[in-house]
C-alpha atoms as a PDB file:
ATOM      1  CA  MET A   1      -4.675 -16.856  -5.064  1.00  0.00           C
ATOM      2  CA  ALA A   2      -6.984 -17.888  -7.932  1.00  0.00           C
ATOM      3  CA  GLY A   3      -9.715 -18.857  -5.499  1.00  0.00           C
ATOM      4  CA  GLU A   4      -9.453 -15.587  -3.603  1.00  0.00           C
ATOM      5  CA  LEU A   5      -9.625 -13.607  -6.845  1.00  0.00           C
ATOM      6  CA  LYS A   6     -12.698 -15.528  -7.958  1.00  0.00           C
ATOM      7  CA  ASP A   7     -14.419 -14.985  -4.610  1.00  0.00           C
ATOM      8  CA  THR A   8     -13.585 -11.278  -4.562  1.00  0.00           C
ATOM      9  CA  ARG A   9     -14.836 -10.791  -8.096  1.00  0.00           C
ATOM     10  CA  ALA A  10     -18.082 -12.589  -7.258  1.00  0.00           C
ATOM     11  CA  GLU A  11     -18.546 -10.404  -4.170  1.00  0.00           C
ATOM     12  CA  ILE A  12     -18.052  -7.236  -6.230  1.00  0.00           C
ATOM     13  CA  GLU A  13     -20.355  -8.328  -9.034  1.00  0.00           C
ATOM     14  CA  ALA A  14     -23.037  -9.266  -6.519  1.00  0.00           C
ATOM     15  CA  THR A  15     -23.352  -5.524  -5.816  1.00  0.00           C
ATOM     16  CA  GLY A  16     -24.009  -4.847  -9.492  1.00  0.00           C
ATOM     17  CA  VAL A  17     -20.552  -3.462 -10.236  1.00  0.00           C
ATOM     18  CA  ALA A  18     -18.564  -4.797 -13.205  1.00  0.00           C
ATOM     19  CA  SER A  19     -15.151  -6.263 -12.391  1.00  0.00           C
ATOM     20  CA  VAL A  20     -12.197  -8.053 -13.939  1.00  0.00           C
ATOM     21  CA  ASP A  21      -9.528 -10.144 -12.220  1.00  0.00           C
ATOM     22  CA  LEU A  22      -5.972  -9.928 -13.576  1.00  0.00           C
ATOM     23  CA  THR A  23      -2.647 -11.022 -12.128  1.00  0.00           C
ATOM     24  CA  GLY A  24       0.962  -9.948 -12.575  1.00  0.00           C
ATOM     25  CA  ASP A  25       4.262  -9.103 -10.894  1.00  0.00           C
ATOM     26  CA  VAL A  26       4.305  -5.457  -9.826  1.00  0.00           C
ATOM     27  CA  SER A  27       8.088  -5.341 -10.137  1.00  0.00           C
ATOM     28  CA  VAL A  28       7.888  -6.125 -13.876  1.00  0.00           C
ATOM     29  CA  ARG A  29       6.972  -3.193 -16.106  1.00  0.00           C
ATOM     30  CA  HIS A  30       5.344  -5.313 -18.807  1.00  0.00           C
ATOM     31  CA  ASP A  31       3.111  -6.993 -16.231  1.00  0.00           C
ATOM     32  CA  VAL A  32       2.001  -3.679 -14.751  1.00  0.00           C
ATOM     33  CA  ARG A  33       1.261  -2.277 -18.195  1.00  0.00           C
ATOM     34  CA  SER A  34      -0.801  -5.360 -19.005  1.00  0.00           C
ATOM     35  CA  LEU A  35      -2.756  -5.040 -15.758  1.00  0.00           C
ATOM     36  CA  ILE A  36      -3.582  -1.418 -16.503  1.00  0.00           C
ATOM     37  CA  SER A  37      -4.406  -1.842 -20.179  1.00  0.00           C
ATOM     38  CA  GLY A  38      -6.465  -4.942 -19.420  1.00  0.00           C
ATOM     39  CA  THR A  39      -8.448  -3.073 -16.797  1.00  0.00           C
ATOM     40  CA  ALA A  40      -9.082  -0.089 -19.068  1.00  0.00           C
ATOM     41  CA  GLU A  41     -10.146  -2.325 -21.942  1.00  0.00           C
ATOM     42  CA  ALA A  42     -12.491  -4.411 -19.804  1.00  0.00           C
ATOM     43  CA  LEU A  43     -14.063  -1.584 -17.808  1.00  0.00           C
ATOM     44  CA  GLY A  44     -13.771   1.369 -20.167  1.00  0.00           C
ATOM     45  CA  SER A  45     -11.171   3.461 -18.342  1.00  0.00           C
ATOM     46  CA  LEU A  46      -8.749   3.557 -15.425  1.00  0.00           C
ATOM     47  CA  ASP A  47      -9.986   6.061 -12.856  1.00  0.00           C
ATOM     48  CA  VAL A  48      -8.307   4.875  -9.647  1.00  0.00           C
ATOM     49  CA  MET A  49      -5.069   2.993  -9.037  1.00  0.00           C
ATOM     50  CA  VAL A  50      -4.330   1.557  -5.585  1.00  0.00           C
ATOM     51  CA  ALA A  51      -0.725   0.374  -5.403  1.00  0.00           C
ATOM     52  CA  ASN A  52      -1.291  -2.065  -2.560  1.00  0.00           C
ATOM     53  CA  ALA A  53       1.284  -4.831  -3.058  1.00  0.00           C
ATOM     54  CA  GLY A  54       3.874  -5.065  -0.301  1.00  0.00           C
ATOM     55  CA  VAL A  55       6.182  -7.366   1.613  1.00  0.00           C
ATOM     56  CA  ALA A  56       7.849  -7.032   4.999  1.00  0.00           C
ATOM     57  CA  GLN A  57      10.986  -8.319   6.682  1.00  0.00           C
ATOM     58  CA  THR A  58      11.877  -8.379  10.364  1.00  0.00           C
ATOM     59  CA  LYS A  59      15.651  -8.489  10.656  1.00  0.00           C
ATOM     60  CA  ALA A  60      18.576  -6.565  12.113  1.00  0.00           C
ATOM     61  CA  LEU A  61      20.217  -4.385   9.481  1.00  0.00           C
ATOM     62  CA  LEU A  62      23.598  -6.054   9.952  1.00  0.00           C
ATOM     63  CA  ASP A  63      22.002  -9.393   9.053  1.00  0.00           C
ATOM     64  CA  VAL A  64      20.238  -8.207   5.896  1.00  0.00           C
ATOM     65  CA  THR A  65      21.879  -9.339   2.655  1.00  0.00           C
ATOM     66  CA  PRO A  66      22.035  -7.132  -0.455  1.00  0.00           C
ATOM     67  CA  GLU A  67      19.811  -9.679  -2.195  1.00  0.00           C
ATOM     68  CA  GLU A  68      17.158  -9.366   0.517  1.00  0.00           C
ATOM     69  CA  PHE A  69      17.373  -5.572   0.328  1.00  0.00           C
ATOM     70  CA  ASP A  70      16.828  -5.673  -3.430  1.00  0.00           C
ATOM     71  CA  ALA A  71      13.931  -8.148  -3.166  1.00  0.00           C
ATOM     72  CA  ILE A  72      11.986  -5.985  -0.709  1.00  0.00           C
ATOM     73  CA  HIS A  73      12.584  -2.797  -2.681  1.00  0.00           C
ATOM     74  CA  ALA A  74      11.595  -4.587  -5.915  1.00  0.00           C
ATOM     75  CA  VAL A  75       8.043  -4.999  -4.620  1.00  0.00           C
ATOM     76  CA  ASN A  76       7.578  -2.070  -2.258  1.00  0.00           C
ATOM     77  CA  SER A  77       9.530   0.665  -4.069  1.00  0.00           C
ATOM     78  CA  ARG A  78       9.936  -0.363  -7.716  1.00  0.00           C
ATOM     79  CA  GLY A  79       6.445  -1.875  -7.698  1.00  0.00           C
ATOM     80  CA  ALA A  80       4.902   1.349  -6.430  1.00  0.00           C
ATOM     81  CA  PHE A  81       6.915   3.393  -8.932  1.00  0.00           C
ATOM     82  CA  LEU A  82       5.686   1.241 -11.826  1.00  0.00           C
ATOM     83  CA  CYS A  83       2.070   1.267 -10.652  1.00  0.00           C
ATOM     84  CA  TYR A  84       2.167   5.040 -10.180  1.00  0.00           C
ATOM     85  CA  THR A  85       3.833   5.903 -13.482  1.00  0.00           C
ATOM     86  CA  GLU A  86       2.003   3.436 -15.700  1.00  0.00           C
ATOM     87  CA  ALA A  87      -1.339   4.442 -14.181  1.00  0.00           C
ATOM     88  CA  ALA A  88      -0.474   8.090 -14.765  1.00  0.00           C
ATOM     89  CA  ARG A  89       0.341   7.406 -18.427  1.00  0.00           C
ATOM     90  CA  GLN A  90      -3.071   5.788 -18.899  1.00  0.00           C
ATOM     91  CA  MET A  91      -4.924   8.566 -17.051  1.00  0.00           C
ATOM     92  CA  ILE A  92      -3.121  11.300 -19.001  1.00  0.00           C
ATOM     93  CA  ALA A  93      -3.974   9.556 -22.273  1.00  0.00           C
ATOM     94  CA  GLN A  94      -7.640   9.369 -21.225  1.00  0.00           C
ATOM     95  CA  GLY A  95      -7.631  13.090 -20.448  1.00  0.00           C
ATOM     96  CA  SER A  96     -10.058  12.929 -17.547  1.00  0.00           C
ATOM     97  CA  GLY A  97      -7.752  12.887 -14.516  1.00  0.00           C
ATOM     98  CA  GLY A  98      -7.782  10.206 -11.847  1.00  0.00           C
ATOM     99  CA  LYS A  99      -6.674   9.152  -8.416  1.00  0.00           C
ATOM    100  CA  ILE A 100      -3.492   7.262  -7.567  1.00  0.00           C
ATOM    101  CA  ILE A 101      -3.187   5.816  -4.069  1.00  0.00           C
ATOM    102  CA  GLY A 102      -0.206   4.105  -2.461  1.00  0.00           C
ATOM    103  CA  ALA A 103      -0.006   1.709   0.467  1.00  0.00           C
ATOM    104  CA  ALA A 104       2.452   3.275   2.884  1.00  0.00           C
ATOM    105  CA  SER A 105       2.640   2.683   6.651  1.00  0.00           C
ATOM    106  CA  ILE A 106       3.448   4.290   9.967  1.00  0.00           C
ATOM    107  CA  ALA A 107       6.912   3.205   8.811  1.00  0.00           C
ATOM    108  CA  ALA A 108       6.735   6.010   6.232  1.00  0.00           C
ATOM    109  CA  HIS A 109       6.816   8.498   9.117  1.00  0.00           C
ATOM    110  CA  LYS A 110       9.123   6.774  11.598  1.00  0.00           C
ATOM    111  CA  GLY A 111      11.911   4.221  11.376  1.00  0.00           C
ATOM    112  CA  PHE A 112      11.631   1.121  13.572  1.00  0.00           C
ATOM    113  CA  ALA A 113      14.367  -1.182  14.810  1.00  0.00           C
ATOM    114  CA  LEU A 114      14.449  -4.579  13.070  1.00  0.00           C
ATOM    115  CA  LEU A 115      12.264  -3.196  10.274  1.00  0.00           C
ATOM    116  CA  GLY A 116      14.897  -0.945   8.714  1.00  0.00           C
ATOM    117  CA  VAL A 117      14.692  -2.076   5.102  1.00  0.00           C
ATOM    118  CA  TYR A 118      10.887  -2.147   5.165  1.00  0.00           C
ATOM    119  CA  CYS A 119      10.873   1.368   6.623  1.00  0.00           C
ATOM    120  CA  SER A 120      13.204   2.577   3.878  1.00  0.00           C
ATOM    121  CA  THR A 121      10.736   1.398   1.238  1.00  0.00           C
ATOM    122  CA  LYS A 122       7.883   3.254   2.886  1.00  0.00           C
ATOM    123  CA  PHE A 123       9.862   6.477   3.262  1.00  0.00           C
ATOM    124  CA  ALA A 124      10.603   6.120  -0.467  1.00  0.00           C
ATOM    125  CA  LEU A 125       6.895   5.713  -1.233  1.00  0.00           C
ATOM    126  CA  ARG A 126       6.051   8.824   0.741  1.00  0.00           C
ATOM    127  CA  ALA A 127       8.618  10.869  -1.221  1.00  0.00           C
ATOM    128  CA  LEU A 128       7.395   9.384  -4.513  1.00  0.00           C
ATOM    129  CA  THR A 129       3.830  10.342  -3.591  1.00  0.00           C
ATOM    130  CA  GLN A 130       4.795  13.955  -2.918  1.00  0.00           C
ATOM    131  CA  SER A 131       6.779  14.272  -6.156  1.00  0.00           C
ATOM    132  CA  ALA A 132       4.128  12.585  -8.305  1.00  0.00           C
ATOM    133  CA  ALA A 133       1.403  14.794  -6.846  1.00  0.00           C
ATOM    134  CA  GLN A 134       3.257  17.899  -7.975  1.00  0.00           C
ATOM    135  CA  GLU A 135       4.109  16.588 -11.443  1.00  0.00           C
ATOM    136  CA  TRP A 136       0.674  15.258 -12.345  1.00  0.00           C
ATOM    137  CA  ALA A 137      -1.585  17.889 -10.807  1.00  0.00           C
ATOM    138  CA  PRO A 138      -1.849  19.737 -14.178  1.00  0.00           C
ATOM    139  CA  HIS A 139      -3.443  16.565 -15.575  1.00  0.00           C
ATOM    140  CA  GLY A 140      -6.124  16.440 -12.891  1.00  0.00           C
ATOM    141  CA  ILE A 141      -4.481  13.491 -11.114  1.00  0.00           C
ATOM    142  CA  THR A 142      -4.251  13.429  -7.338  1.00  0.00           C
ATOM    143  CA  VAL A 143      -1.717  11.204  -5.597  1.00  0.00           C
ATOM    144  CA  ASN A 144      -1.992  10.229  -1.946  1.00  0.00           C
ATOM    145  CA  ALA A 145      -0.903   7.396   0.331  1.00  0.00           C
ATOM    146  CA  TYR A 146      -2.468   5.748   3.345  1.00  0.00           C
ATOM    147  CA  CYS A 147      -0.425   4.794   6.379  1.00  0.00           C
ATOM    148  CA  PRO A 148      -1.825   1.985   8.544  1.00  0.00           C
ATOM    149  CA  GLY A 149      -0.405   1.112  11.929  1.00  0.00           C
ATOM    150  CA  ILE A 150      -0.783  -2.345  13.440  1.00  0.00           C
ATOM    151  CA  VAL A 151      -3.438  -4.184  11.462  1.00  0.00           C
ATOM    152  CA  ASP A 152      -4.895  -7.605  12.187  1.00  0.00           C
ATOM    153  CA  THR A 153      -3.511  -9.201   9.019  1.00  0.00           C
ATOM    154  CA  ALA A 154      -1.264 -12.093   8.007  1.00  0.00           C
ATOM    155  CA  MET A 155       1.644  -9.684   7.505  1.00  0.00           C
ATOM    156  CA  TRP A 156       1.462  -8.497  11.093  1.00  0.00           C
ATOM    157  CA  GLU A 157       1.159 -12.074  12.325  1.00  0.00           C
ATOM    158  CA  GLU A 158       4.413 -12.789  10.511  1.00  0.00           C
ATOM    159  CA  ILE A 159       6.073  -9.729  12.043  1.00  0.00           C
ATOM    160  CA  ASP A 160       4.870 -10.790  15.488  1.00  0.00           C
ATOM    161  CA  HIS A 161       6.280 -14.280  14.938  1.00  0.00           C
ATOM    162  CA  ASP A 162       9.669 -12.990  13.775  1.00  0.00           C
ATOM    163  CA  LEU A 163       9.963 -10.449  16.602  1.00  0.00           C
ATOM    164  CA  GLY A 164       9.017 -13.180  19.062  1.00  0.00           C
ATOM    165  CA  GLU A 165      11.851 -15.388  17.835  1.00  0.00           C
ATOM    166  CA  ILE A 166      14.351 -12.534  17.977  1.00  0.00           C
ATOM    167  CA  ASN A 167      13.287 -11.366  21.449  1.00  0.00           C
ATOM    168  CA  HIS A 168      12.448 -14.845  22.814  1.00  0.00           C
ATOM    169  CA  VAL A 169       8.822 -14.108  23.650  1.00  0.00           C
ATOM    170  CA  GLY A 170       5.661 -16.052  22.896  1.00  0.00           C
ATOM    171  CA  LYS A 171       3.162 -15.705  20.079  1.00  0.00           C
ATOM    172  CA  GLY A 172       1.175 -12.494  20.281  1.00  0.00           C
ATOM    173  CA  GLU A 173       3.410 -10.874  22.892  1.00  0.00           C
ATOM    174  CA  SER A 174       5.249  -8.589  20.467  1.00  0.00           C
ATOM    175  CA  MET A 175       2.033  -7.342  18.896  1.00  0.00           C
ATOM    176  CA  LYS A 176       0.523  -6.874  22.334  1.00  0.00           C
ATOM    177  CA  ALA A 177       3.479  -4.761  23.418  1.00  0.00           C
ATOM    178  CA  MET A 178       3.280  -2.568  20.323  1.00  0.00           C
ATOM    179  CA  ALA A 179      -0.504  -2.253  20.600  1.00  0.00           C
ATOM    180  CA  ALA A 180      -0.093  -0.883  24.129  1.00  0.00           C
ATOM    181  CA  GLY A 181       1.014   2.366  22.518  1.00  0.00           C
ATOM    182  CA  ILE A 182      -2.185   2.831  20.478  1.00  0.00           C
ATOM    183  CA  THR A 183      -4.242   5.727  21.825  1.00  0.00           C
ATOM    184  CA  LEU A 184      -7.589   4.179  20.855  1.00  0.00           C
ATOM    185  CA  GLY A 185      -6.672   0.970  22.667  1.00  0.00           C
ATOM    186  CA  ARG A 186      -6.900  -1.636  19.895  1.00  0.00           C
ATOM    187  CA  VAL A 187      -5.217  -2.779  16.702  1.00  0.00           C
ATOM    188  CA  SER A 188      -6.932  -1.788  13.493  1.00  0.00           C
ATOM    189  CA  THR A 189      -9.051  -3.923  11.216  1.00  0.00           C
ATOM    190  CA  GLY A 190      -9.063  -4.118   7.454  1.00  0.00           C
ATOM    191  CA  ASP A 191     -12.281  -2.108   7.464  1.00  0.00           C
ATOM    192  CA  ASP A 192     -10.582   0.757   9.315  1.00  0.00           C
ATOM    193  CA  VAL A 193      -8.060   1.029   6.503  1.00  0.00           C
ATOM    194  CA  ALA A 194     -10.549   0.379   3.693  1.00  0.00           C
ATOM    195  CA  LYS A 195     -12.685   3.334   4.758  1.00  0.00           C
ATOM    196  CA  LEU A 196      -9.732   5.686   4.323  1.00  0.00           C
ATOM    197  CA  VAL A 197      -8.833   4.173   0.952  1.00  0.00           C
ATOM    198  CA  SER A 198     -12.442   4.598  -0.181  1.00  0.00           C
ATOM    199  CA  PHE A 199     -12.319   8.243   0.877  1.00  0.00           C
ATOM    200  CA  LEU A 200      -9.086   8.810  -1.061  1.00  0.00           C
ATOM    201  CA  ALA A 201     -10.602   7.104  -4.116  1.00  0.00           C
ATOM    202  CA  GLY A 202     -13.794   9.166  -4.016  1.00  0.00           C
ATOM    203  CA  PRO A 203     -14.790  12.773  -4.766  1.00  0.00           C
ATOM    204  CA  ASP A 204     -14.641  13.939  -1.151  1.00  0.00           C
ATOM    205  CA  SER A 205     -10.816  13.874  -1.383  1.00  0.00           C
ATOM    206  CA  ASP A 206     -10.635  15.950  -4.585  1.00  0.00           C
ATOM    207  CA  TYR A 207      -8.767  18.764  -2.814  1.00  0.00           C
ATOM    208  CA  MET A 208      -6.144  16.463  -1.276  1.00  0.00           C
ATOM    209  CA  THR A 209      -2.897  15.521  -2.958  1.00  0.00           C
ATOM    210  CA  GLY A 210       0.637  14.618  -1.932  1.00  0.00           C
ATOM    211  CA  GLN A 211      -0.430  13.415   1.514  1.00  0.00           C
ATOM    212  CA  ALA A 212       0.568  10.309   3.462  1.00  0.00           C
ATOM    213  CA  VAL A 213      -2.418   9.945   5.786  1.00  0.00           C
ATOM    214  CA  LEU A 214      -2.056   8.038   9.044  1.00  0.00           C
ATOM    215  CA  VAL A 215      -4.793   5.590  10.053  1.00  0.00           C
ATOM    216  CA  ASP A 216      -3.169   4.052  13.121  1.00  0.00           C
ATOM    217  CA  GLY A 217      -5.489   4.643  16.062  1.00  0.00           C
ATOM    218  CA  GLY A 218      -3.106   7.249  17.443  1.00  0.00           C
ATOM    219  CA  MET A 219       0.429   5.817  17.357  1.00  0.00           C
ATOM    220  CA  ILE A 220       2.305   8.470  15.394  1.00  0.00           C
ATOM    221  CA  PHE A 221       1.504  12.152  15.822  1.00  0.00           C
ATOM    222  CA  VAL A 222       2.715  14.565  13.140  1.00  0.00           C
END
């Protein structure tokens, strides 16, 4: 983690943009407050918050323990709530508005078998986004979420592995089967998602709020 943070910071600063690397547990309010205050102090203000932390679990609902349920919601739901609310407090205090962005998923629009608890966290994030957008609009704060589909990341490799064990199929077969339903014919890359996040963080999205925007290559149509 430390090495990745150092590399990312160096990459950002190579473009001439100031940066700061801070760490914390998004499920702990004190940590989130420290992340936000540390960012504002180092860079002058907090203008954009991307609540991106998330974990997944591939498991039948009848096999999920209450402890596992709580652990997933601690990061995906409580973590998003803390990032949203603490960022909003900072932005309101600054008096210049801001943009809050949440990492949702296609699972915020549709429930999937064996991903029930994960889906419940993303439905929660979508509702939180809509409510926050309405409450904080008078302060010039927009709140939106982005909803990736199948992305070529470590998380999806883990999901593929777990589904393969459950369904007794080989590595890559589960992802291949799911990808067959993508209209554009391929899984997405990190860049596909990053472009949407950049749009939501920039001025071109000033008239958008309360939305959970799909970037899935055409899997879910709403």
